[in-house]
Amino acid sequence: MSLVKVWTDVGKARNVSLLAKIVENISDTSFRVKYLSKTEDEYKGCIIWRYEDETYDIDDEYITEYMMTDDEHEIGYRPVPGDEGAFILMDDDTEYIPSSDDETDDLDDDNEDDDCEDLEEEDDCVSDYEE
C-alpha cells in the first residue's frame, strides 16, 4: 500500500508528521495505517526501524504528504538482511563534499556509521536520526 506522512500528536508541545503505511482503505476519506517507528535495536551501528503492530484509523485531512510510493527503499530505508520487516534509514547526503571549513584532519579514519556497506556501499546509515 502507499506510504504517507501523518500529522500526529506524540505528546509533545507540537504535533509531528510521521511516516506510515496505509494498510487498508476504510472509505474514500479514511484509512487504516501502521507507523514506521525507531526501535532500540541496531544492525551494524544503524538504528532499526519497524512497523508497529497496532493500526490506527485516520482521516485524509491528517495526511501531510503522500510519498507517491509503496517502496521504503525509494525514500531512504533499506531492509536489514535476514530480518523481515526491519529497515535502517540511510543517509541521503552521500554526495556531500565538505568545504574547506568543514574538513577535518581525520577524514581518513573509519566512521563507525559506515558499517552498513553491505546494504549499499555508497550510502551511510543515519544512526542518530531524530523524529
Protein backbone atom coordinates (compact mmCIF):
# COMPACT_ATOMS: atom_id res chain seq x y z
CA MET A 1 0.00 0.00 0.00
CA SER A 2 1.02 3.64 -0.09
CA LEU A 3 3.44 5.37 2.21
CA VAL A 4 2.27 8.65 3.72
CA LYS A 5 3.27 11.20 6.34
CA VAL A 6 0.61 11.67 9.01
CA TRP A 7 0.14 14.69 11.29
CA THR A 8 0.35 13.04 14.71
CA ASP A 9 0.12 14.06 18.36
CA VAL A 10 3.09 12.42 20.09
CA GLY A 11 2.60 14.11 23.45
CA LYS A 12 4.98 16.99 22.80
CA ALA A 13 4.20 20.70 22.51
CA ARG A 14 3.80 20.34 18.74
CA ASN A 15 2.39 17.65 16.51
CA VAL A 16 4.81 15.97 14.12
CA SER A 17 4.48 14.36 10.71
CA LEU A 18 5.35 10.64 10.98
CA LEU A 19 5.89 8.06 8.25
CA ALA A 20 3.16 5.45 7.98
CA LYS A 21 1.93 2.81 5.57
CA ILE A 22 -1.71 2.66 4.51
CA VAL A 23 -2.73 -0.94 5.16
CA GLU A 24 -6.43 -0.56 4.38
CA ASN A 25 -8.78 1.93 2.74
CA ILE A 26 -11.75 2.26 5.08
CA SER A 27 -13.57 4.76 2.85
CA ASP A 28 -12.72 7.44 0.32
CA THR A 29 -11.52 9.71 3.13
CA SER A 30 -10.47 7.28 5.89
CA PHE A 31 -7.52 4.93 6.11
CA ARG A 32 -6.02 2.37 8.45
CA VAL A 33 -2.26 2.92 8.89
CA LYS A 34 0.75 1.45 10.64
CA TYR A 35 3.55 3.78 11.72
CA LEU A 36 7.21 3.08 10.97
CA SER A 37 8.95 3.61 14.30
CA LYS A 38 12.50 3.69 15.55
CA THR A 39 13.41 0.77 17.82
CA GLU A 40 16.21 0.29 20.31
CA ASP A 41 17.67 -2.48 18.13
CA GLU A 42 20.69 -1.90 15.91
CA TYR A 43 22.25 -3.50 12.87
CA LYS A 44 25.97 -2.77 12.49
CA GLY A 45 25.61 0.51 14.37
CA CYS A 46 22.47 1.57 12.48
CA ILE A 47 19.15 2.10 14.24
CA ILE A 48 16.49 -0.40 13.16
CA TRP A 49 13.02 0.82 12.19
CA ARG A 50 9.93 -1.43 12.19
CA TYR A 51 6.24 -1.02 11.55
CA GLU A 52 4.23 -1.03 14.75
CA ASP A 53 1.86 -3.95 15.30
CA GLU A 54 -1.01 -1.63 16.19
CA THR A 55 -3.05 0.03 13.45
CA TYR A 56 -4.68 3.47 13.58
CA ASP A 57 -7.70 4.81 11.74
CA ILE A 58 -7.12 8.29 10.32
CA ASP A 59 -8.98 10.75 8.13
CA ASP A 60 -7.27 12.01 4.99
CA GLU A 61 -7.12 15.53 6.45
CA TYR A 62 -4.29 14.31 8.73
CA ILE A 63 -2.13 13.15 5.82
CA THR A 64 0.51 15.82 5.28
CA GLU A 65 2.24 14.13 2.34
CA TYR A 66 1.63 11.25 0.00
CA MET A 67 5.07 9.75 -0.64
CA MET A 68 3.96 8.53 -4.11
CA THR A 69 5.48 5.10 -3.48
CA ASP A 70 4.91 1.95 -1.51
CA ASP A 71 8.61 1.08 -1.52
CA GLU A 72 10.55 2.14 1.58
CA HIS A 73 13.80 1.89 -0.40
CA GLU A 74 12.71 4.84 -2.58
CA ILE A 75 12.56 7.15 0.44
CA GLY A 76 15.85 6.12 2.04
CA TYR A 77 15.11 3.00 4.06
CA ARG A 78 16.98 -0.24 3.37
CA PRO A 79 15.82 -3.68 4.51
CA VAL A 80 18.00 -5.39 7.08
CA PRO A 81 19.33 -8.66 5.62
CA GLY A 82 17.79 -11.68 7.33
CA ASP A 83 15.35 -9.62 9.43
CA GLU A 84 11.94 -9.45 7.73
CA GLY A 85 10.19 -6.12 8.31
CA ALA A 86 13.27 -4.35 9.66
CA PHE A 87 14.73 -1.27 7.99
CA ILE A 88 17.59 1.12 8.51
CA LEU A 89 17.50 4.74 7.40
CA MET A 90 20.30 5.57 5.03
CA ASP A 91 21.96 8.99 4.82
CA ASP A 92 20.75 10.76 1.69
CA ASP A 93 23.66 13.22 1.77
CA THR A 94 26.26 10.80 0.41
CA GLU A 95 27.26 13.10 -2.46
CA TYR A 96 28.20 15.86 0.01
CA ILE A 97 31.68 17.27 -0.47
CA PRO A 98 32.78 19.35 2.54
CA SER A 99 34.04 22.86 2.08
CA SER A 100 37.47 23.72 3.47
CA ASP A 101 35.75 24.96 6.65
CA ASP A 102 34.10 21.55 7.15
CA GLU A 103 37.19 19.43 6.58
CA THR A 104 38.97 17.80 9.49
CA ASP A 105 42.37 16.15 9.85
CA ASP A 106 40.84 12.73 10.48
CA LEU A 107 38.91 12.29 7.23
CA ASP A 108 40.81 9.08 6.54
CA ASP A 109 39.66 7.50 9.81
CA ASP A 110 36.92 4.91 9.54
CA ASN A 111 33.50 6.15 10.59
CA GLU A 112 31.56 3.66 12.73
CA ASP A 113 28.34 4.53 10.86
CA ASP A 114 29.88 3.21 7.61
CA ASP A 115 29.45 -0.41 8.72
CA CYS A 116 26.31 -0.85 6.63
CA GLU A 117 28.21 -1.04 3.36
CA ASP A 118 26.86 -4.48 2.58
CA LEU A 119 23.47 -2.83 2.05
CA GLU A 120 24.82 -0.21 -0.36
CA GLU A 121 28.47 0.73 -0.36
CA GLU A 122 27.95 4.38 -1.28
CA ASP A 123 25.39 5.04 1.49
CA ASP A 124 25.94 5.70 5.17
CA CYS A 125 23.24 4.85 7.68
CA VAL A 126 21.71 7.52 9.85
CA SER A 127 22.45 6.32 13.35
CA ASP A 128 21.23 9.34 15.27
CA TYR A 129 18.03 10.27 13.42
CA GLU A 130 15.69 12.49 15.42
CA GLU A 131 11.95 12.26 14.80
